[in-house]
Amino acid sequence: MSDTPKRGRPSKDTENPNMNYCTIKDPSMEPFFIVKDATNFTVMERTTSTRGFAGKKATGKEVEKVVAYHTSFKNALNKISKEKFYKNKANYSSIKEYIESWNEVKEGLETLLNKIEL
């Protein structure tokens, strides 16, 4: 009998030297970072726990949550720029203020893209 191939997302195997796995962090992306594996780029967010497990009180410890999976580095950076923009204040007094806020976040990550020339 032949072995059937495993289905689903591959496990995180850091012991295997052939596994292409790394973490990409930059101060301009905080609290987000990117984890690259053999198949894609995972956008992660570092947050503080606000809910407890099984009805218990929150411990307030730092946790990492998955935001999105992307097949390209550029798409992962675009997702981070959008997420950073949505974390800004919720009320704007004018359209101009809203656009200025978006441009500020967008330009920060575009400078990263220009540095690495994607």
Protein backbone atom coordinates (compact mmCIF):
# COMPACT_ATOMS: atom_id res chain seq x y z
CA MET A 1 0.00 0.00 0.00
CA SER A 2 1.19 3.49 -0.75
CA ASP A 3 1.24 6.15 1.92
CA THR A 4 -1.47 8.74 1.52
CA PRO A 5 -0.16 12.30 1.61
CA LYS A 6 -1.00 14.37 4.66
CA ARG A 7 -3.71 16.92 4.10
CA GLY A 8 -3.99 20.45 5.43
CA ARG A 9 -1.49 23.01 6.58
CA PRO A 10 1.99 21.67 7.40
CA SER A 11 3.05 21.74 11.03
CA LYS A 12 5.68 24.14 12.30
CA ASP A 13 8.80 22.00 12.20
CA THR A 14 11.74 24.11 13.39
CA GLU A 15 14.04 21.07 13.76
CA ASN A 16 14.07 20.27 10.05
CA PRO A 17 16.85 22.28 8.33
CA ASN A 18 15.04 22.08 4.99
CA MET A 19 12.00 23.87 6.40
CA ASN A 20 11.94 27.49 5.25
CA TYR A 21 10.69 29.18 8.44
CA CYS A 22 11.48 32.64 9.83
CA THR A 23 9.98 35.57 11.74
CA ILE A 24 10.09 39.11 10.35
CA LYS A 25 9.74 41.98 12.85
CA ASP A 26 10.18 45.72 12.36
CA PRO A 27 9.41 48.65 14.69
CA SER A 28 7.26 50.32 12.01
CA MET A 29 5.00 47.24 11.89
CA GLU A 30 4.44 46.96 15.65
CA PRO A 31 2.29 45.31 17.11
CA PHE A 32 2.22 43.18 13.95
CA PHE A 33 4.88 40.85 12.57
CA ILE A 34 5.17 38.30 9.78
CA VAL A 35 5.98 34.60 10.10
CA LYS A 36 7.20 32.98 6.88
CA ASP A 37 7.04 29.23 6.34
CA ALA A 38 7.41 26.97 3.32
CA THR A 39 4.01 27.82 1.87
CA ASN A 40 2.99 31.35 2.90
CA PHE A 41 3.39 34.51 4.97
CA THR A 42 1.32 34.66 8.17
CA VAL A 43 0.48 38.10 9.58
CA MET A 44 0.47 37.92 13.39
CA GLU A 45 -0.51 40.47 16.04
CA ARG A 46 0.89 40.69 19.55
CA THR A 47 -1.88 41.67 21.98
CA THR A 48 -2.67 41.50 25.67
CA SER A 49 -5.22 38.90 26.72
CA THR A 50 -8.55 40.46 27.73
CA ARG A 51 -10.57 37.26 28.12
CA GLY A 52 -9.99 34.36 30.41
CA PHE A 53 -10.22 30.70 29.51
CA ALA A 54 -13.34 28.71 30.53
CA GLY A 55 -14.98 31.61 32.35
CA LYS A 56 -11.94 32.54 34.41
CA LYS A 57 -10.49 36.02 34.78
CA ALA A 58 -8.09 37.32 32.16
CA THR A 59 -4.45 37.05 33.17
CA GLY A 60 -3.37 40.00 31.03
CA LYS A 61 -0.53 38.02 29.47
CA GLU A 62 0.80 38.81 26.02
CA VAL A 63 -0.55 36.56 23.28
CA GLU A 64 0.04 36.25 19.55
CA LYS A 65 -2.97 35.89 17.29
CA VAL A 66 -3.17 35.10 13.59
CA VAL A 67 -4.57 37.96 11.50
CA ALA A 68 -4.22 36.60 7.94
CA TYR A 69 -2.42 34.19 5.64
CA HIS A 70 -0.88 35.51 2.40
CA THR A 71 1.07 33.94 -0.45
CA SER A 72 3.24 37.01 -1.07
CA PHE A 73 5.27 39.29 1.18
CA LYS A 74 3.83 42.41 -0.46
CA ASN A 75 0.24 41.33 0.30
CA ALA A 76 1.21 40.64 3.92
CA LEU A 77 2.64 44.16 4.25
CA ASN A 78 -0.50 45.65 2.68
CA LYS A 79 -2.63 43.78 5.22
CA ILE A 80 -0.52 45.18 8.05
CA SER A 81 -0.93 48.73 6.72
CA LYS A 82 -4.71 48.31 6.61
CA GLU A 83 -4.81 46.81 10.11
CA LYS A 84 -2.69 49.65 11.50
CA PHE A 85 -5.03 52.15 9.84
CA TYR A 86 -8.12 50.52 11.37
CA LYS A 87 -6.53 50.73 14.83
CA ASN A 88 -6.54 54.55 14.54
CA LYS A 89 -9.23 56.67 16.11
CA ALA A 90 -12.81 55.98 15.11
CA ASN A 91 -14.09 59.53 14.58
CA TYR A 92 -12.83 62.04 12.04
CA SER A 93 -14.03 65.61 11.72
CA SER A 94 -13.47 65.75 7.96
CA ILE A 95 -12.68 63.65 4.92
CA LYS A 96 -9.32 65.42 4.69
CA GLU A 97 -8.41 64.26 8.23
CA TYR A 98 -9.42 60.68 7.35
CA ILE A 99 -7.30 60.67 4.17
CA GLU A 100 -4.31 62.20 5.97
CA SER A 101 -4.51 59.46 8.59
CA TRP A 102 -4.64 56.76 5.90
CA ASN A 103 -1.72 58.32 4.00
CA GLU A 104 0.40 58.42 7.16
CA VAL A 105 0.03 54.68 7.74
CA LYS A 106 0.34 53.84 4.04
CA GLU A 107 3.51 55.90 3.56
CA GLY A 108 5.17 54.25 6.54
CA LEU A 109 4.91 50.81 5.00
CA GLU A 110 5.51 52.04 1.45
CA THR A 111 8.92 53.25 2.57
CA LEU A 112 9.62 49.71 3.73
CA LEU A 113 8.52 48.36 0.35
CA ASN A 114 10.74 50.86 -1.45
CA LYS A 115 13.73 49.89 0.67
CA ILE A 116 13.37 46.23 -0.22
CA GLU A 117 12.27 46.99 -3.82
CA LEU A 118 9.35 44.61 -4.21
